[in-house]
């Protein structure tokens, strides 16, 4: 990636709109780990953001590849999926562009699926009890009929 595609040349403002359009959080991180832009934070808040060096996706991107990680964000306090790519400025490695998607909707879908599975299991157990009771009644009636026939 080059700095022009990320809006680094304009102070990083270009990627803020990209984050809004993609409904994702976009963060620009220098090679030293300092956050220089975040689509969900005001520029005045950036100096207080902790250093991102050491985060798995950032380290992988700085090593020259694509980094990805799924973990809890200490900044926005929710589970996120992160993807990071290195970018250059003036032909030199300069930082990492990272996109993060909230996993809240995925977590909700998993919770809904678990609830549905629990209800289905309870219904299956209930149906098994009813069917086994009916089968037991039929067997009991046959056993009583045989007992009556044997007594005669």
C-alpha atoms as a PDB file:
ATOM      1  CA  UNK A   1       0.000   0.000   0.000  1.00  0.00           C
ATOM      2  CA  UNK A   2       1.085   3.533  -0.522  1.00  0.00           C
ATOM      3  CA  UNK A   3       0.367   6.531   1.635  1.00  0.00           C
ATOM      4  CA  UNK A   4      -1.884   8.117  -1.006  1.00  0.00           C
ATOM      5  CA  UNK A   5      -4.442   5.313  -0.807  1.00  0.00           C
ATOM      6  CA  UNK A   6      -4.727   5.690   2.964  1.00  0.00           C
ATOM      7  CA  UNK A   7      -4.880   9.444   3.215  1.00  0.00           C
ATOM      8  CA  UNK A   8      -1.666   9.613   5.254  1.00  0.00           C
ATOM      9  CA  UNK A   9      -0.563  12.637   3.252  1.00  0.00           C
ATOM     10  CA  UNK A  10      -3.629  14.571   4.436  1.00  0.00           C
ATOM     11  CA  UNK A  11      -3.023  13.828   8.117  1.00  0.00           C
ATOM     12  CA  UNK A  12      -4.904  10.537   7.982  1.00  0.00           C
ATOM     13  CA  UNK A  13      -8.337  12.098   7.459  1.00  0.00           C
ATOM     14  CA  UNK A  14      -9.038  10.033   4.328  1.00  0.00           C
ATOM     15  CA  UNK A  15      -9.202   6.739   6.186  1.00  0.00           C
ATOM     16  CA  UNK A  16     -11.776   8.066   8.655  1.00  0.00           C
ATOM     17  CA  UNK A  17     -14.405   8.202   5.927  1.00  0.00           C
ATOM     18  CA  UNK A  18     -13.296   4.745   4.771  1.00  0.00           C
ATOM     19  CA  UNK A  19     -14.046   3.387   8.254  1.00  0.00           C
ATOM     20  CA  UNK A  20     -17.515   4.916   8.211  1.00  0.00           C
ATOM     21  CA  UNK A  21     -18.319   3.554   4.751  1.00  0.00           C
ATOM     22  CA  UNK A  22     -17.083   0.066   5.647  1.00  0.00           C
ATOM     23  CA  UNK A  23     -18.786   0.140   9.064  1.00  0.00           C
ATOM     24  CA  UNK A  24     -15.436  -0.864  10.512  1.00  0.00           C
ATOM     25  CA  UNK A  25     -12.863   0.686  12.782  1.00  0.00           C
ATOM     26  CA  UNK A  26      -9.748   1.800  10.890  1.00  0.00           C
ATOM     27  CA  UNK A  27      -6.491   2.543  12.705  1.00  0.00           C
ATOM     28  CA  UNK A  28      -3.158   3.835  11.417  1.00  0.00           C
ATOM     29  CA  UNK A  29      -0.162   2.726  13.469  1.00  0.00           C
ATOM     30  CA  UNK A  30       3.461   3.812  12.976  1.00  0.00           C
ATOM     31  CA  UNK A  31       6.238   1.207  12.970  1.00  0.00           C
ATOM     32  CA  UNK A  32       7.086   2.179  16.568  1.00  0.00           C
ATOM     33  CA  UNK A  33       3.505   1.249  17.605  1.00  0.00           C
ATOM     34  CA  UNK A  34       2.198   4.794  18.098  1.00  0.00           C
ATOM     35  CA  UNK A  35      -1.403   5.247  16.930  1.00  0.00           C
ATOM     36  CA  UNK A  36      -1.577   8.174  14.527  1.00  0.00           C
ATOM     37  CA  UNK A  37      -5.206   7.822  13.484  1.00  0.00           C
ATOM     38  CA  UNK A  38      -8.330   5.967  14.529  1.00  0.00           C
ATOM     39  CA  UNK A  39     -11.748   6.268  12.929  1.00  0.00           C
ATOM     40  CA  UNK A  40     -13.483   5.963  16.318  1.00  0.00           C
ATOM     41  CA  UNK A  41     -11.314   8.373  18.291  1.00  0.00           C
ATOM     42  CA  UNK A  42     -10.860  12.119  18.155  1.00  0.00           C
ATOM     43  CA  UNK A  43      -7.381  13.308  17.162  1.00  0.00           C
ATOM     44  CA  UNK A  44      -7.055  14.871  20.612  1.00  0.00           C
ATOM     45  CA  UNK A  45      -7.501  11.407  22.200  1.00  0.00           C
ATOM     46  CA  UNK A  46      -4.715   9.728  20.192  1.00  0.00           C
ATOM     47  CA  UNK A  47      -1.825  10.679  22.519  1.00  0.00           C
ATOM     48  CA  UNK A  48      -3.504   8.764  25.363  1.00  0.00           C
ATOM     49  CA  UNK A  49      -3.990   5.561  23.328  1.00  0.00           C
ATOM     50  CA  UNK A  50      -1.628   2.804  24.424  1.00  0.00           C
ATOM     51  CA  UNK A  51       1.161   1.708  22.115  1.00  0.00           C
ATOM     52  CA  UNK A  52       0.015  -0.969  19.661  1.00  0.00           C
ATOM     53  CA  UNK A  53       3.418  -2.586  19.129  1.00  0.00           C
ATOM     54  CA  UNK A  54       3.206  -6.151  20.347  1.00  0.00           C
ATOM     55  CA  UNK A  55      -0.361  -6.676  19.180  1.00  0.00           C
ATOM     56  CA  UNK A  56      -0.362  -9.890  17.108  1.00  0.00           C
ATOM     57  CA  UNK A  57      -1.849  -8.424  13.940  1.00  0.00           C
ATOM     58  CA  UNK A  58       0.439  -5.369  14.052  1.00  0.00           C
ATOM     59  CA  UNK A  59       3.592  -7.426  14.585  1.00  0.00           C
ATOM     60  CA  UNK A  60       2.642  -9.784  11.730  1.00  0.00           C
ATOM     61  CA  UNK A  61       2.035  -6.848   9.380  1.00  0.00           C
ATOM     62  CA  UNK A  62       5.316  -5.182  10.374  1.00  0.00           C
ATOM     63  CA  UNK A  63       7.086  -8.466   9.605  1.00  0.00           C
ATOM     64  CA  UNK A  64       5.921  -7.944   6.027  1.00  0.00           C
ATOM     65  CA  UNK A  65       2.734  -9.953   5.859  1.00  0.00           C
ATOM     66  CA  UNK A  66      -0.934  -9.618   6.571  1.00  0.00           C
ATOM     67  CA  UNK A  67      -1.737  -9.782  10.241  1.00  0.00           C
ATOM     68  CA  UNK A  68      -4.979 -11.024  11.715  1.00  0.00           C
ATOM     69  CA  UNK A  69      -6.226 -11.554  15.223  1.00  0.00           C
ATOM     70  CA  UNK A  70      -9.484 -12.111  17.086  1.00  0.00           C
ATOM     71  CA  UNK A  71      -9.474 -10.705  20.631  1.00  0.00           C
ATOM     72  CA  UNK A  72     -10.985  -8.250  23.093  1.00  0.00           C
ATOM     73  CA  UNK A  73     -10.248  -4.596  22.382  1.00  0.00           C
ATOM     74  CA  UNK A  74      -9.102  -2.642  25.417  1.00  0.00           C
ATOM     75  CA  UNK A  75      -9.906   0.608  23.612  1.00  0.00           C
ATOM     76  CA  UNK A  76     -13.536  -0.030  22.588  1.00  0.00           C
ATOM     77  CA  UNK A  77     -14.176  -2.814  25.149  1.00  0.00           C
ATOM     78  CA  UNK A  78     -15.585  -5.517  22.872  1.00  0.00           C
ATOM     79  CA  UNK A  79     -14.479  -8.577  20.907  1.00  0.00           C
ATOM     80  CA  UNK A  80     -13.057  -7.621  17.536  1.00  0.00           C
ATOM     81  CA  UNK A  81     -11.639  -9.255  14.420  1.00  0.00           C
ATOM     82  CA  UNK A  82      -8.495  -7.413  13.256  1.00  0.00           C
ATOM     83  CA  UNK A  83      -6.776  -7.401   9.851  1.00  0.00           C
ATOM     84  CA  UNK A  84      -3.583  -5.384   9.348  1.00  0.00           C
ATOM     85  CA  UNK A  85      -1.420  -4.531   6.331  1.00  0.00           C
ATOM     86  CA  UNK A  86       1.867  -2.650   6.250  1.00  0.00           C
ATOM     87  CA  UNK A  87       2.085   0.599   4.289  1.00  0.00           C
ATOM     88  CA  UNK A  88       4.934   2.702   2.991  1.00  0.00           C
ATOM     89  CA  UNK A  89       5.708   6.380   2.843  1.00  0.00           C
ATOM     90  CA  UNK A  90       8.297   7.637   0.373  1.00  0.00           C
ATOM     91  CA  UNK A  91       9.100   4.026  -0.483  1.00  0.00           C
ATOM     92  CA  UNK A  92       9.992   3.089   3.102  1.00  0.00           C
ATOM     93  CA  UNK A  93       8.000   1.015   5.627  1.00  0.00           C
ATOM     94  CA  UNK A  94       6.163   3.562   7.719  1.00  0.00           C
ATOM     95  CA  UNK A  95       3.389   1.782   9.543  1.00  0.00           C
ATOM     96  CA  UNK A  96       0.361  -0.454   9.556  1.00  0.00           C
ATOM     97  CA  UNK A  97      -3.202   0.123   8.416  1.00  0.00           C
ATOM     98  CA  UNK A  98      -5.544  -1.974  10.524  1.00  0.00           C
ATOM     99  CA  UNK A  99      -9.258  -2.662  10.058  1.00  0.00           C
ATOM    100  CA  UNK A 100     -11.318  -4.037  12.935  1.00  0.00           C
ATOM    101  CA  UNK A 101     -14.823  -5.465  12.822  1.00  0.00           C
ATOM    102  CA  UNK A 102     -16.945  -5.977  15.909  1.00  0.00           C
ATOM    103  CA  UNK A 103     -17.821  -9.572  16.664  1.00  0.00           C
ATOM    104  CA  UNK A 104     -20.897  -8.529  18.657  1.00  0.00           C
ATOM    105  CA  UNK A 105     -23.257  -9.657  15.880  1.00  0.00           C
ATOM    106  CA  UNK A 106     -21.386 -12.955  15.527  1.00  0.00           C
ATOM    107  CA  UNK A 107     -21.487 -13.480  19.302  1.00  0.00           C
ATOM    108  CA  UNK A 108     -25.234 -12.753  19.294  1.00  0.00           C
ATOM    109  CA  UNK A 109     -25.816 -15.244  16.471  1.00  0.00           C
ATOM    110  CA  UNK A 110     -23.831 -17.914  18.343  1.00  0.00           C
ATOM    111  CA  UNK A 111     -25.843 -17.234  21.519  1.00  0.00           C
ATOM    112  CA  UNK A 112     -29.104 -17.468  19.555  1.00  0.00           C
ATOM    113  CA  UNK A 113     -27.961 -20.757  18.014  1.00  0.00           C
ATOM    114  CA  UNK A 114     -27.077 -22.153  21.444  1.00  0.00           C
ATOM    115  CA  UNK A 115     -30.525 -21.213  22.772  1.00  0.00           C
ATOM    116  CA  UNK A 116     -32.194 -22.814  19.764  1.00  0.00           C
ATOM    117  CA  UNK A 117     -30.142 -25.989  20.247  1.00  0.00           C
ATOM    118  CA  UNK A 118     -31.115 -26.119  23.947  1.00  0.00           C
ATOM    119  CA  UNK A 119     -34.823 -25.725  23.117  1.00  0.00           C
ATOM    120  CA  UNK A 120     -34.560 -28.385  20.392  1.00  0.00           C
ATOM    121  CA  UNK A 121     -32.835 -30.766  22.831  1.00  0.00           C
ATOM    122  CA  UNK A 122     -35.558 -30.219  25.445  1.00  0.00           C
ATOM    123  CA  UNK A 123     -38.273 -30.810  22.851  1.00  0.00           C
ATOM    124  CA  UNK A 124     -36.509 -33.977  21.668  1.00  0.00           C
ATOM    125  CA  UNK A 125     -36.257 -35.254  25.253  1.00  0.00           C
ATOM    126  CA  UNK A 126     -39.944 -34.479  25.829  1.00  0.00           C
ATOM    127  CA  UNK A 127     -40.930 -36.271  22.626  1.00  0.00           C
ATOM    128  CA  UNK A 128     -38.760 -39.261  23.592  1.00  0.00           C
ATOM    129  CA  UNK A 129     -40.497 -39.457  26.994  1.00  0.00           C
ATOM    130  CA  UNK A 130     -43.959 -39.338  25.398  1.00  0.00           C
ATOM    131  CA  UNK A 131     -43.112 -41.946  22.750  1.00  0.00           C
ATOM    132  CA  UNK A 132     -41.412 -44.275  25.225  1.00  0.00           C
ATOM    133  CA  UNK A 133     -44.404 -43.976  27.581  1.00  0.00           C
ATOM    134  CA  UNK A 134     -46.770 -44.856  24.737  1.00  0.00           C
ATOM    135  CA  UNK A 135     -44.579 -47.817  23.757  1.00  0.00           C
ATOM    136  CA  UNK A 136     -44.442 -48.957  27.387  1.00  0.00           C
ATOM    137  CA  UNK A 137     -48.264 -48.793  27.608  1.00  0.00           C
ATOM    138  CA  UNK A 138     -48.595 -50.952  24.483  1.00  0.00           C
ATOM    139  CA  UNK A 139     -46.120 -53.506  25.814  1.00  0.00           C
ATOM    140  CA  UNK A 140     -47.850 -53.454  29.225  1.00  0.00           C
ATOM    141  CA  UNK A 141     -51.238 -54.136  27.626  1.00  0.00           C
ATOM    142  CA  UNK A 142     -49.781 -57.052  25.618  1.00  0.00           C
ATOM    143  CA  UNK A 143     -48.106 -58.415  28.756  1.00  0.00           C
ATOM    144  CA  UNK A 144     -51.406 -58.195  30.691  1.00  0.00           C
ATOM    145  CA  UNK A 145     -53.260 -59.951  27.880  1.00  0.00           C
ATOM    146  CA  UNK A 146     -50.678 -62.749  27.858  1.00  0.00           C
ATOM    147  CA  UNK A 147     -50.888 -63.059  31.653  1.00  0.00           C
ATOM    148  CA  UNK A 148     -54.710 -63.307  31.477  1.00  0.00           C
ATOM    149  CA  UNK A 149     -54.480 -65.922  28.735  1.00  0.00           C
ATOM    150  CA  UNK A 150     -51.988 -67.951  30.763  1.00  0.00           C
ATOM    151  CA  UNK A 151     -54.245 -67.920  33.836  1.00  0.00           C
ATOM    152  CA  UNK A 152     -57.146 -69.473  31.926  1.00  0.00           C
END
